[in-house]
Amino acid sequence: PAAIARFAIEGDRVVGGALAFPCEQHIGGRLVSSGAVASVCVAPE
């Protein structure tokens, strides 16, 4: 529900993808808007 998702699709099949999560990150004692990237993956073939 929280993810920005992008999927690579070949034909009707997902062959890879990645997620990013909008959040805030502590930088210099203040909160800065950030996107935490995770689950970057591609099918082996």
PDB file of all heavy atoms in Angstrom:
ATOM      1  N   PRO A   1       0.806  -1.230   0.000  1.00  0.00           N
ATOM      2  CA  PRO A   1       0.000   0.000   0.000  1.00  0.00           C
ATOM      3  C   PRO A   1       0.836   1.277   0.000  1.00  0.00           C
ATOM      4  O   PRO A   1       0.363   2.332  -0.458  1.00  0.00           O
ATOM      5  CB  PRO A   1      -0.819  -0.118   1.297  1.00  0.00           C
ATOM      6  CG  PRO A   1      -0.852  -1.583   1.596  1.00  0.00           C
ATOM      7  CD  PRO A   1       0.483  -2.093   1.157  1.00  0.00           C
ATOM      8  N   ALA A   2       2.077   1.214   0.509  1.00  0.00           N
ATOM      9  CA  ALA A   2       2.897   2.412   0.629  1.00  0.00           C
ATOM     10  C   ALA A   2       3.883   2.581  -0.510  1.00  0.00           C
ATOM     11  O   ALA A   2       4.541   3.624  -0.608  1.00  0.00           O
ATOM     12  CB  ALA A   2       3.663   2.375   1.959  1.00  0.00           C
ATOM     13  N   ALA A   3       4.013   1.585  -1.369  1.00  0.00           N
ATOM     14  CA  ALA A   3       5.119   1.561  -2.332  1.00  0.00           C
ATOM     15  C   ALA A   3       4.798   2.293  -3.636  1.00  0.00           C
ATOM     16  O   ALA A   3       3.678   2.253  -4.141  1.00  0.00           O
ATOM     17  CB  ALA A   3       5.488   0.120  -2.646  1.00  0.00           C
ATOM     18  N   ILE A   4       5.827   2.966  -4.164  1.00  0.00           N
ATOM     19  CA  ILE A   4       5.853   3.360  -5.563  1.00  0.00           C
ATOM     20  C   ILE A   4       6.495   2.190  -6.302  1.00  0.00           C
ATOM     21  O   ILE A   4       7.647   1.840  -6.029  1.00  0.00           O
ATOM     22  CB  ILE A   4       6.693   4.633  -5.769  1.00  0.00           C
ATOM     23  CG1 ILE A   4       6.149   5.799  -4.950  1.00  0.00           C
ATOM     24  CG2 ILE A   4       6.746   4.989  -7.249  1.00  0.00           C
ATOM     25  CD1 ILE A   4       7.053   7.018  -4.960  1.00  0.00           C
ATOM     26  N   ALA A   5       5.768   1.555  -7.191  1.00  0.00           N
ATOM     27  CA  ALA A   5       6.254   0.335  -7.841  1.00  0.00           C
ATOM     28  C   ALA A   5       6.462   0.553  -9.333  1.00  0.00           C
ATOM     29  O   ALA A   5       5.685   1.258  -9.989  1.00  0.00           O
ATOM     30  CB  ALA A   5       5.264  -0.808  -7.613  1.00  0.00           C
ATOM     31  N   ARG A   6       7.522  -0.057  -9.845  1.00  0.00           N
ATOM     32  CA  ARG A   6       7.758  -0.095 -11.274  1.00  0.00           C
ATOM     33  C   ARG A   6       8.152  -1.520 -11.644  1.00  0.00           C
ATOM     34  O   ARG A   6       9.087  -2.085 -11.084  1.00  0.00           O
ATOM     35  CB  ARG A   6       8.866   0.885 -11.685  1.00  0.00           C
ATOM     36  CG  ARG A   6       8.445   2.343 -11.628  1.00  0.00           C
ATOM     37  CD  ARG A   6       7.335   2.628 -12.633  1.00  0.00           C
ATOM     38  NE  ARG A   6       6.885   4.012 -12.643  1.00  0.00           N
ATOM     39  CZ  ARG A   6       5.904   4.505 -11.885  1.00  0.00           C
ATOM     40  NH1 ARG A   6       5.277   3.705 -11.031  1.00  0.00           N
ATOM     41  NH2 ARG A   6       5.545   5.768 -11.994  1.00  0.00           N
ATOM     42  N   PHE A   7       7.410  -2.110 -12.606  1.00  0.00           N
ATOM     43  CA  PHE A   7       7.644  -3.478 -13.033  1.00  0.00           C
ATOM     44  C   PHE A   7       8.043  -3.511 -14.511  1.00  0.00           C
ATOM     45  O   PHE A   7       7.468  -2.804 -15.334  1.00  0.00           O
ATOM     46  CB  PHE A   7       6.383  -4.335 -12.861  1.00  0.00           C
ATOM     47  CG  PHE A   7       5.947  -4.528 -11.432  1.00  0.00           C
ATOM     48  CD1 PHE A   7       4.669  -4.972 -11.154  1.00  0.00           C
ATOM     49  CD2 PHE A   7       6.801  -4.269 -10.378  1.00  0.00           C
ATOM     50  CE1 PHE A   7       4.243  -5.161  -9.842  1.00  0.00           C
ATOM     51  CE2 PHE A   7       6.397  -4.451  -9.065  1.00  0.00           C
ATOM     52  CZ  PHE A   7       5.111  -4.894  -8.793  1.00  0.00           C
ATOM     53  N   ALA A   8       9.033  -4.330 -14.823  1.00  0.00           N
ATOM     54  CA  ALA A   8       9.410  -4.579 -16.217  1.00  0.00           C
ATOM     55  C   ALA A   8       8.595  -5.760 -16.720  1.00  0.00           C
ATOM     56  O   ALA A   8       8.557  -6.819 -16.078  1.00  0.00           O
ATOM     57  CB  ALA A   8      10.898  -4.875 -16.316  1.00  0.00           C
ATOM     58  N   ILE A   9       7.955  -5.595 -17.867  1.00  0.00           N
ATOM     59  CA  ILE A   9       7.035  -6.608 -18.376  1.00  0.00           C
ATOM     60  C   ILE A   9       7.429  -6.995 -19.792  1.00  0.00           C
ATOM     61  O   ILE A   9       7.592  -6.148 -20.675  1.00  0.00           O
ATOM     62  CB  ILE A   9       5.585  -6.084 -18.355  1.00  0.00           C
ATOM     63  CG1 ILE A   9       5.208  -5.668 -16.923  1.00  0.00           C
ATOM     64  CG2 ILE A   9       4.616  -7.136 -18.883  1.00  0.00           C
ATOM     65  CD1 ILE A   9       3.923  -4.884 -16.838  1.00  0.00           C
ATOM     66  N   GLU A  10       7.600  -8.301 -19.985  1.00  0.00           N
ATOM     67  CA  GLU A  10       7.889  -8.868 -21.307  1.00  0.00           C
ATOM     68  C   GLU A  10       6.693  -9.728 -21.693  1.00  0.00           C
ATOM     69  O   GLU A  10       6.427 -10.755 -21.054  1.00  0.00           O
ATOM     70  CB  GLU A  10       9.163  -9.701 -21.259  1.00  0.00           C
ATOM     71  CG  GLU A  10       9.577 -10.300 -22.583  1.00  0.00           C
ATOM     72  CD  GLU A  10      10.207  -9.268 -23.510  1.00  0.00           C
ATOM     73  OE1 GLU A  10      10.649  -8.210 -23.024  1.00  0.00           O
ATOM     74  OE2 GLU A  10      10.252  -9.530 -24.726  1.00  0.00           O
ATOM     75  N   GLY A  11       5.970  -9.308 -22.713  1.00  0.00           N
ATOM     76  CA  GLY A  11       4.742 -10.023 -23.045  1.00  0.00           C
ATOM     77  C   GLY A  11       3.727  -9.823 -21.941  1.00  0.00           C
ATOM     78  O   GLY A  11       3.316  -8.707 -21.636  1.00  0.00           O
ATOM     79  N   ASP A  12       3.304 -10.908 -21.307  1.00  0.00           N
ATOM     80  CA  ASP A  12       2.382 -10.790 -20.180  1.00  0.00           C
ATOM     81  C   ASP A  12       3.041 -11.217 -18.870  1.00  0.00           C
ATOM     82  O   ASP A  12       2.365 -11.544 -17.906  1.00  0.00           O
ATOM     83  CB  ASP A  12       1.131 -11.636 -20.420  1.00  0.00           C
ATOM     84  CG  ASP A  12       1.453 -13.121 -20.604  1.00  0.00           C
ATOM     85  OD1 ASP A  12       2.662 -13.467 -20.647  1.00  0.00           O
ATOM     86  OD2 ASP A  12       0.510 -13.926 -20.710  1.00  0.00           O
ATOM     87  N   ARG A  13       4.361 -11.179 -18.839  1.00  0.00           N
ATOM     88  CA  ARG A  13       5.095 -11.672 -17.683  1.00  0.00           C
ATOM     89  C   ARG A  13       5.955 -10.570 -17.056  1.00  0.00           C
ATOM     90  O   ARG A  13       6.671  -9.848 -17.777  1.00  0.00           O
ATOM     91  CB  ARG A  13       5.989 -12.839 -18.090  1.00  0.00           C
ATOM     92  CG  ARG A  13       6.821 -13.396 -16.950  1.00  0.00           C
ATOM     93  CD  ARG A  13       7.882 -14.352 -17.448  1.00  0.00           C
ATOM     94  NE  ARG A  13       8.811 -14.732 -16.385  1.00  0.00           N
ATOM     95  CZ  ARG A  13       9.976 -15.311 -16.594  1.00  0.00           C
ATOM     96  NH1 ARG A  13      10.356 -15.611 -17.829  1.00  0.00           N
ATOM     97  NH2 ARG A  13      10.772 -15.612 -15.589  1.00  0.00           N
ATOM     98  N   VAL A  14       5.906 -10.436 -15.746  1.00  0.00           N
ATOM     99  CA  VAL A  14       6.803  -9.538 -15.025  1.00  0.00           C
ATOM    100  C   VAL A  14       8.177 -10.196 -14.958  1.00  0.00           C
ATOM    101  O   VAL A  14       8.306 -11.347 -14.521  1.00  0.00           O
ATOM    102  CB  VAL A  14       6.282  -9.257 -13.600  1.00  0.00           C
ATOM    103  CG1 VAL A  14       7.316  -8.467 -12.797  1.00  0.00           C
ATOM    104  CG2 VAL A  14       4.961  -8.498 -13.651  1.00  0.00           C
ATOM    105  N   VAL A  15       9.218  -9.474 -15.397  1.00  0.00           N
ATOM    106  CA  VAL A  15      10.568 -10.039 -15.402  1.00  0.00           C
ATOM    107  C   VAL A  15      11.521  -9.270 -14.484  1.00  0.00           C
ATOM    108  O   VAL A  15      12.695  -9.620 -14.352  1.00  0.00           O
ATOM    109  CB  VAL A  15      11.147 -10.077 -16.832  1.00  0.00           C
ATOM    110  CG1 VAL A  15      10.296 -10.973 -17.717  1.00  0.00           C
ATOM    111  CG2 VAL A  15      11.245  -8.673 -17.429  1.00  0.00           C
ATOM    112  N   GLY A  16      11.026  -8.237 -13.840  1.00  0.00           N
ATOM    113  CA  GLY A  16      11.849  -7.468 -12.912  1.00  0.00           C
ATOM    114  C   GLY A  16      11.040  -6.335 -12.325  1.00  0.00           C
ATOM    115  O   GLY A  16       9.901  -6.081 -12.736  1.00  0.00           O
ATOM    116  N   GLY A  17      11.624  -5.661 -11.356  1.00  0.00           N
ATOM    117  CA  GLY A  17      10.902  -4.553 -10.754  1.00  0.00           C
ATOM    118  C   GLY A  17      11.691  -3.913  -9.633  1.00  0.00           C
ATOM    119  O   GLY A  17      12.795  -4.349  -9.286  1.00  0.00           O
ATOM    120  N   ALA A  18      11.123  -2.867  -9.074  1.00  0.00           N
ATOM    121  CA  ALA A  18      11.743  -2.161  -7.956  1.00  0.00           C
ATOM    122  C   ALA A  18      10.665  -1.360  -7.243  1.00  0.00           C
ATOM    123  O   ALA A  18       9.644  -0.977  -7.841  1.00  0.00           O
ATOM    124  CB  ALA A  18      12.861  -1.233  -8.442  1.00  0.00           C
ATOM    125  N   LEU A  19      10.908  -1.097  -5.969  1.00  0.00           N
ATOM    126  CA  LEU A  19       9.978  -0.342  -5.143  1.00  0.00           C
ATOM    127  C   LEU A  19      10.693   0.856  -4.535  1.00  0.00           C
ATOM    128  O   LEU A  19      11.901   0.832  -4.320  1.00  0.00           O
ATOM    129  CB  LEU A  19       9.409  -1.213  -4.015  1.00  0.00           C
ATOM    130  CG  LEU A  19       8.806  -2.560  -4.389  1.00  0.00           C
ATOM    131  CD1 LEU A  19       8.349  -3.296  -3.134  1.00  0.00           C
ATOM    132  CD2 LEU A  19       7.648  -2.386  -5.368  1.00  0.00           C
ATOM    133  N   ALA A  20       9.924   1.899  -4.244  1.00  0.00           N
ATOM    134  CA  ALA A  20      10.427   3.039  -3.486  1.00  0.00           C
ATOM    135  C   ALA A  20       9.348   3.451  -2.496  1.00  0.00           C
ATOM    136  O   ALA A  20       8.148   3.384  -2.809  1.00  0.00           O
ATOM    137  CB  ALA A  20      10.782   4.207  -4.402  1.00  0.00           C
ATOM    138  N   PHE A  21       9.787   3.864  -1.320  1.00  0.00           N
ATOM    139  CA  PHE A  21       8.842   4.211  -0.268  1.00  0.00           C
ATOM    140  C   PHE A  21       9.037   5.673   0.136  1.00  0.00           C
ATOM    141  O   PHE A  21      10.099   6.038   0.657  1.00  0.00           O
ATOM    142  CB  PHE A  21       9.043   3.309   0.947  1.00  0.00           C
ATOM    143  CG  PHE A  21       9.002   1.848   0.611  1.00  0.00           C
ATOM    144  CD1 PHE A  21      10.168   1.100   0.560  1.00  0.00           C
ATOM    145  CD2 PHE A  21       7.811   1.228   0.319  1.00  0.00           C
ATOM    146  CE1 PHE A  21      10.134  -0.244   0.231  1.00  0.00           C
ATOM    147  CE2 PHE A  21       7.765  -0.109  -0.013  1.00  0.00           C
ATOM    148  CZ  PHE A  21       8.928  -0.858  -0.062  1.00  0.00           C
ATOM    149  N   PRO A  22       8.037   6.527  -0.107  1.00  0.00           N
ATOM    150  CA  PRO A  22       8.148   7.907   0.351  1.00  0.00           C
ATOM    151  C   PRO A  22       8.285   7.946   1.880  1.00  0.00           C
ATOM    152  O   PRO A  22       7.549   7.271   2.599  1.00  0.00           O
ATOM    153  CB  PRO A  22       6.832   8.540  -0.105  1.00  0.00           C
ATOM    154  CG  PRO A  22       6.351   7.663  -1.236  1.00  0.00           C
ATOM    155  CD  PRO A  22       6.790   6.280  -0.855  1.00  0.00           C
ATOM    156  N   CYS A  23       9.235   8.724   2.351  1.00  0.00           N
ATOM    157  CA  CYS A  23       9.484   8.802   3.786  1.00  0.00           C
ATOM    158  C   CYS A  23      10.207  10.105   4.071  1.00  0.00           C
ATOM    159  O   CYS A  23      10.316  10.975   3.200  1.00  0.00           O
ATOM    160  CB  CYS A  23      10.312   7.606   4.255  1.00  0.00           C
ATOM    161  SG  CYS A  23      11.915   7.457   3.438  1.00  0.00           S
ATOM    162  N   GLU A  24      10.687  10.243   5.287  1.00  0.00           N
ATOM    163  CA  GLU A  24      11.497  11.397   5.664  1.00  0.00           C
ATOM    164  C   GLU A  24      12.817  10.890   6.235  1.00  0.00           C
ATOM    165  O   GLU A  24      12.855   9.854   6.904  1.00  0.00           O
ATOM    166  CB  GLU A  24      10.779  12.268   6.687  1.00  0.00           C
ATOM    167  CG  GLU A  24       9.544  12.965   6.129  1.00  0.00           C
ATOM    168  CD  GLU A  24       8.836  13.804   7.173  1.00  0.00           C
ATOM    169  OE1 GLU A  24       8.490  13.229   8.226  1.00  0.00           O
ATOM    170  OE2 GLU A  24       8.630  15.008   6.952  1.00  0.00           O
ATOM    171  N   GLN A  25      13.879  11.629   5.956  1.00  0.00           N
ATOM    172  CA  GLN A  25      15.219  11.206   6.341  1.00  0.00           C
ATOM    173  C   GLN A  25      15.887  12.318   7.142  1.00  0.00           C
ATOM    174  O   GLN A  25      15.820  13.495   6.785  1.00  0.00           O
ATOM    175  CB  GLN A  25      16.032  10.887   5.083  1.00  0.00           C
ATOM    176  CG  GLN A  25      17.346  10.183   5.331  1.00  0.00           C
ATOM    177  CD  GLN A  25      17.959   9.641   4.053  1.00  0.00           C
ATOM    178  OE1 GLN A  25      17.448   9.877   2.966  1.00  0.00           O
ATOM    179  NE2 GLN A  25      19.046   8.899   4.169  1.00  0.00           N
ATOM    180  N   HIS A  26      16.533  11.916   8.257  1.00  0.00           N
ATOM    181  CA  HIS A  26      17.197  12.894   9.110  1.00  0.00           C
ATOM    182  C   HIS A  26      18.504  13.349   8.463  1.00  0.00           C
ATOM    183  O   HIS A  26      19.434  12.564   8.284  1.00  0.00           O
ATOM    184  CB  HIS A  26      17.491  12.279  10.484  1.00  0.00           C
ATOM    185  CG  HIS A  26      16.266  12.000  11.288  1.00  0.00           C
ATOM    186  ND1 HIS A  26      15.633  12.971  12.036  1.00  0.00           N
ATOM    187  CD2 HIS A  26      15.538  10.868  11.460  1.00  0.00           C
ATOM    188  CE1 HIS A  26      14.576  12.450  12.642  1.00  0.00           C
ATOM    189  NE2 HIS A  26      14.497  11.175  12.307  1.00  0.00           N
ATOM    190  N   ILE A  27      18.562  14.615   8.094  1.00  0.00           N
ATOM    191  CA  ILE A  27      19.762  15.208   7.504  1.00  0.00           C
ATOM    192  C   ILE A  27      20.036  16.524   8.234  1.00  0.00           C
ATOM    193  O   ILE A  27      19.218  17.448   8.186  1.00  0.00           O
ATOM    194  CB  ILE A  27      19.602  15.478   5.998  1.00  0.00           C
ATOM    195  CG1 ILE A  27      19.243  14.185   5.235  1.00  0.00           C
ATOM    196  CG2 ILE A  27      20.859  16.120   5.437  1.00  0.00           C
ATOM    197  CD1 ILE A  27      20.362  13.160   5.169  1.00  0.00           C
ATOM    198  N   GLY A  28      21.168  16.605   8.910  1.00  0.00           N
ATOM    199  CA  GLY A  28      21.519  17.837   9.605  1.00  0.00           C
ATOM    200  C   GLY A  28      20.565  18.221  10.700  1.00  0.00           C
ATOM    201  O   GLY A  28      20.396  19.404  11.004  1.00  0.00           O
ATOM    202  N   GLY A  29      19.909  17.233  11.325  1.00  0.00           N
ATOM    203  CA  GLY A  29      18.993  17.517  12.415  1.00  0.00           C
ATOM    204  C   GLY A  29      17.581  17.863  11.989  1.00  0.00           C
ATOM    205  O   GLY A  29      16.728  18.144  12.835  1.00  0.00           O
ATOM    206  N   ARG A  30      17.311  17.822  10.684  1.00  0.00           N
ATOM    207  CA  ARG A  30      15.965  18.087  10.192  1.00  0.00           C
ATOM    208  C   ARG A  30      15.514  16.950   9.293  1.00  0.00           C
ATOM    209  O   ARG A  30      16.322  16.150   8.826  1.00  0.00           O
ATOM    210  CB  ARG A  30      15.922  19.423   9.435  1.00  0.00           C
ATOM    211  CG  ARG A  30      16.119  20.636  10.340  1.00  0.00           C
ATOM    212  CD  ARG A  30      16.206  21.924   9.548  1.00  0.00           C
ATOM    213  NE  ARG A  30      15.011  22.169   8.750  1.00  0.00           N
ATOM    214  CZ  ARG A  30      14.882  23.215   7.923  1.00  0.00           C
ATOM    215  NH1 ARG A  30      15.873  24.079   7.785  1.00  0.00           N
ATOM    216  NH2 ARG A  30      13.781  23.383   7.225  1.00  0.00           N
ATOM    217  N   LEU A  31      14.213  16.893   9.039  1.00  0.00           N
ATOM    218  CA  LEU A  31      13.650  15.832   8.204  1.00  0.00           C
ATOM    219  C   LEU A  31      13.532  16.314   6.757  1.00  0.00           C
ATOM    220  O   LEU A  31      12.969  17.377   6.485  1.00  0.00           O
ATOM    221  CB  LEU A  31      12.273  15.422   8.728  1.00  0.00           C
ATOM    222  CG  LEU A  31      12.286  14.639  10.045  1.00  0.00           C
ATOM    223  CD1 LEU A  31      10.866  14.483  10.587  1.00  0.00           C
ATOM    224  CD2 LEU A  31      12.931  13.268   9.850  1.00  0.00           C
ATOM    225  N   VAL A  32      14.071  15.501   5.844  1.00  0.00           N
ATOM    226  CA  VAL A  32      14.066  15.805   4.425  1.00  0.00           C
ATOM    227  C   VAL A  32      13.267  14.721   3.702  1.00  0.00           C
ATOM    228  O   VAL A  32      13.426  13.532   3.988  1.00  0.00           O
ATOM    229  CB  VAL A  32      15.503  15.866   3.867  1.00  0.00           C
ATOM    230  CG1 VAL A  32      15.488  16.196   2.379  1.00  0.00           C
ATOM    231  CG2 VAL A  32      16.331  16.905   4.634  1.00  0.00           C
ATOM    232  N   SER A  33      12.413  15.115   2.774  1.00  0.00           N
ATOM    233  CA  SER A  33      11.614  14.132   2.030  1.00  0.00           C
ATOM    234  C   SER A  33      12.535  13.239   1.207  1.00  0.00           C
ATOM    235  O   SER A  33      13.467  13.699   0.556  1.00  0.00           O
ATOM    236  CB  SER A  33      10.602  14.838   1.128  1.00  0.00           C
ATOM    237  OG  SER A  33      11.255  15.647   0.158  1.00  0.00           O
ATOM    238  N   SER A  34      12.257  11.934   1.255  1.00  0.00           N
ATOM    239  CA  SER A  34      13.152  10.971   0.607  1.00  0.00           C
ATOM    240  C   SER A  34      12.360   9.788   0.084  1.00  0.00           C
ATOM    241  O   SER A  34      11.241   9.512   0.532  1.00  0.00           O
ATOM    242  CB  SER A  34      14.204  10.489   1.626  1.00  0.00           C
ATOM    243  OG  SER A  34      15.170   9.662   1.006  1.00  0.00           O
ATOM    244  N   GLY A  35      12.965   9.107  -0.879  1.00  0.00           N
ATOM    245  CA  GLY A  35      12.391   7.869  -1.388  1.00  0.00           C
ATOM    246  C   GLY A  35      13.351   6.730  -1.107  1.00  0.00           C
ATOM    247  O   GLY A  35      14.468   6.697  -1.642  1.00  0.00           O
ATOM    248  N   ALA A  36      12.954   5.810  -0.236  1.00  0.00           N
ATOM    249  CA  ALA A  36      13.802   4.674   0.122  1.00  0.00           C
ATOM    250  C   ALA A  36      13.588   3.558  -0.899  1.00  0.00           C
ATOM    251  O   ALA A  36      12.492   2.996  -1.001  1.00  0.00           O
ATOM    252  CB  ALA A  36      13.466   4.177   1.527  1.00  0.00           C
ATOM    253  N   VAL A  37      14.634   3.239  -1.653  1.00  0.00           N
ATOM    254  CA  VAL A  37      14.544   2.235  -2.720  1.00  0.00           C
ATOM    255  C   VAL A  37      14.808   0.846  -2.146  1.00  0.00           C
ATOM    256  O   VAL A  37      15.724   0.664  -1.331  1.00  0.00           O
ATOM    257  CB  VAL A  37      15.548   2.546  -3.836  1.00  0.00           C
ATOM    258  CG1 VAL A  37      15.556   1.439  -4.895  1.00  0.00           C
ATOM    259  CG2 VAL A  37      15.219   3.893  -4.489  1.00  0.00           C
ATOM    260  N   ALA A  38      14.027  -0.116  -2.559  1.00  0.00           N
ATOM    261  CA  ALA A  38      14.191  -1.494  -2.070  1.00  0.00           C
ATOM    262  C   ALA A  38      13.673  -2.467  -3.126  1.00  0.00           C
ATOM    263  O   ALA A  38      13.012  -2.079  -4.093  1.00  0.00           O
ATOM    264  CB  ALA A  38      13.440  -1.697  -0.756  1.00  0.00           C
ATOM    265  N   SER A  39      14.025  -3.739  -2.906  1.00  0.00           N
ATOM    266  CA  SER A  39      13.482  -4.838  -3.718  1.00  0.00           C
ATOM    267  C   SER A  39      13.755  -4.674  -5.210  1.00  0.00           C
ATOM    268  O   SER A  39      12.918  -5.017  -6.050  1.00  0.00           O
ATOM    269  CB  SER A  39      11.974  -4.990  -3.475  1.00  0.00           C
ATOM    270  OG  SER A  39      11.707  -5.272  -2.125  1.00  0.00           O
ATOM    271  N   VAL A  40      14.936  -4.163  -5.545  1.00  0.00           N
ATOM    272  CA  VAL A  40      15.325  -4.091  -6.957  1.00  0.00           C
ATOM    273  C   VAL A  40      15.740  -5.491  -7.393  1.00  0.00           C
ATOM    274  O   VAL A  40      16.701  -6.057  -6.874  1.00  0.00           O
ATOM    275  CB  VAL A  40      16.485  -3.099  -7.165  1.00  0.00           C
ATOM    276  CG1 VAL A  40      16.834  -3.008  -8.650  1.00  0.00           C
ATOM    277  CG2 VAL A  40      16.126  -1.727  -6.599  1.00  0.00           C
ATOM    278  N   CYS A  41      15.022  -6.075  -8.318  1.00  0.00           N
ATOM    279  CA  CYS A  41      15.294  -7.467  -8.677  1.00  0.00           C
ATOM    280  C   CYS A  41      14.907  -7.729 -10.136  1.00  0.00           C
ATOM    281  O   CYS A  41      14.009  -7.091 -10.692  1.00  0.00           O
ATOM    282  CB  CYS A  41      14.537  -8.424  -7.753  1.00  0.00           C
ATOM    283  SG  CYS A  41      12.755  -8.136  -7.658  1.00  0.00           S
ATOM    284  N   VAL A  42      15.608  -8.693 -10.725  1.00  0.00           N
ATOM    285  CA  VAL A  42      15.370  -9.093 -12.115  1.00  0.00           C
ATOM    286  C   VAL A  42      15.422 -10.618 -12.163  1.00  0.00           C
ATOM    287  O   VAL A  42      16.275 -11.242 -11.518  1.00  0.00           O
ATOM    288  CB  VAL A  42      16.438  -8.497 -13.066  1.00  0.00           C
ATOM    289  CG1 VAL A  42      16.223  -8.988 -14.490  1.00  0.00           C
ATOM    290  CG2 VAL A  42      16.414  -6.970 -13.006  1.00  0.00           C
ATOM    291  N   ALA A  43      14.532 -11.222 -12.922  1.00  0.00           N
ATOM    292  CA  ALA A  43      14.554 -12.675 -13.090  1.00  0.00           C
ATOM    293  C   ALA A  43      15.907 -13.096 -13.668  1.00  0.00           C
ATOM    294  O   ALA A  43      16.457 -12.408 -14.539  1.00  0.00           O
ATOM    295  CB  ALA A  43      13.429 -13.110 -14.018  1.00  0.00           C
ATOM    296  N   PRO A  44      16.493 -14.213 -13.188  1.00  0.00           N
ATOM    297  CA  PRO A  44      17.848 -14.597 -13.602  1.00  0.00           C
ATOM    298  C   PRO A  44      18.056 -14.628 -15.105  1.00  0.00           C
ATOM    299  O   PRO A  44      19.098 -14.194 -15.613  1.00  0.00           O
ATOM    300  CB  PRO A  44      18.011 -15.985 -12.976  1.00  0.00           C
ATOM    301  CG  PRO A  44      17.128 -15.963 -11.771  1.00  0.00           C
ATOM    302  CD  PRO A  44      15.937 -15.134 -12.179  1.00  0.00           C
ATOM    303  N   GLU A  45      17.079 -15.127 -15.843  1.00  0.00           N
ATOM    304  CA  GLU A  45      17.265 -15.269 -17.294  1.00  0.00           C
ATOM    305  C   GLU A  45      17.199 -13.935 -18.035  1.00  0.00           C
ATOM    306  O   GLU A  45      17.488 -13.873 -19.235  1.00  0.00           O
ATOM    307  CB  GLU A  45      16.229 -16.241 -17.863  1.00  0.00           C
ATOM    308  CG  GLU A  45      14.784 -15.810 -17.714  1.00  0.00           C
ATOM    309  CD  GLU A  45      14.140 -16.246 -16.411  1.00  0.00           C
ATOM    310  OE1 GLU A  45      14.857 -16.356 -15.392  1.00  0.00           O
ATOM    311  OE2 GLU A  45      12.910 -16.470 -16.416  1.00  0.00           O
TER     312      GLU A  45
END
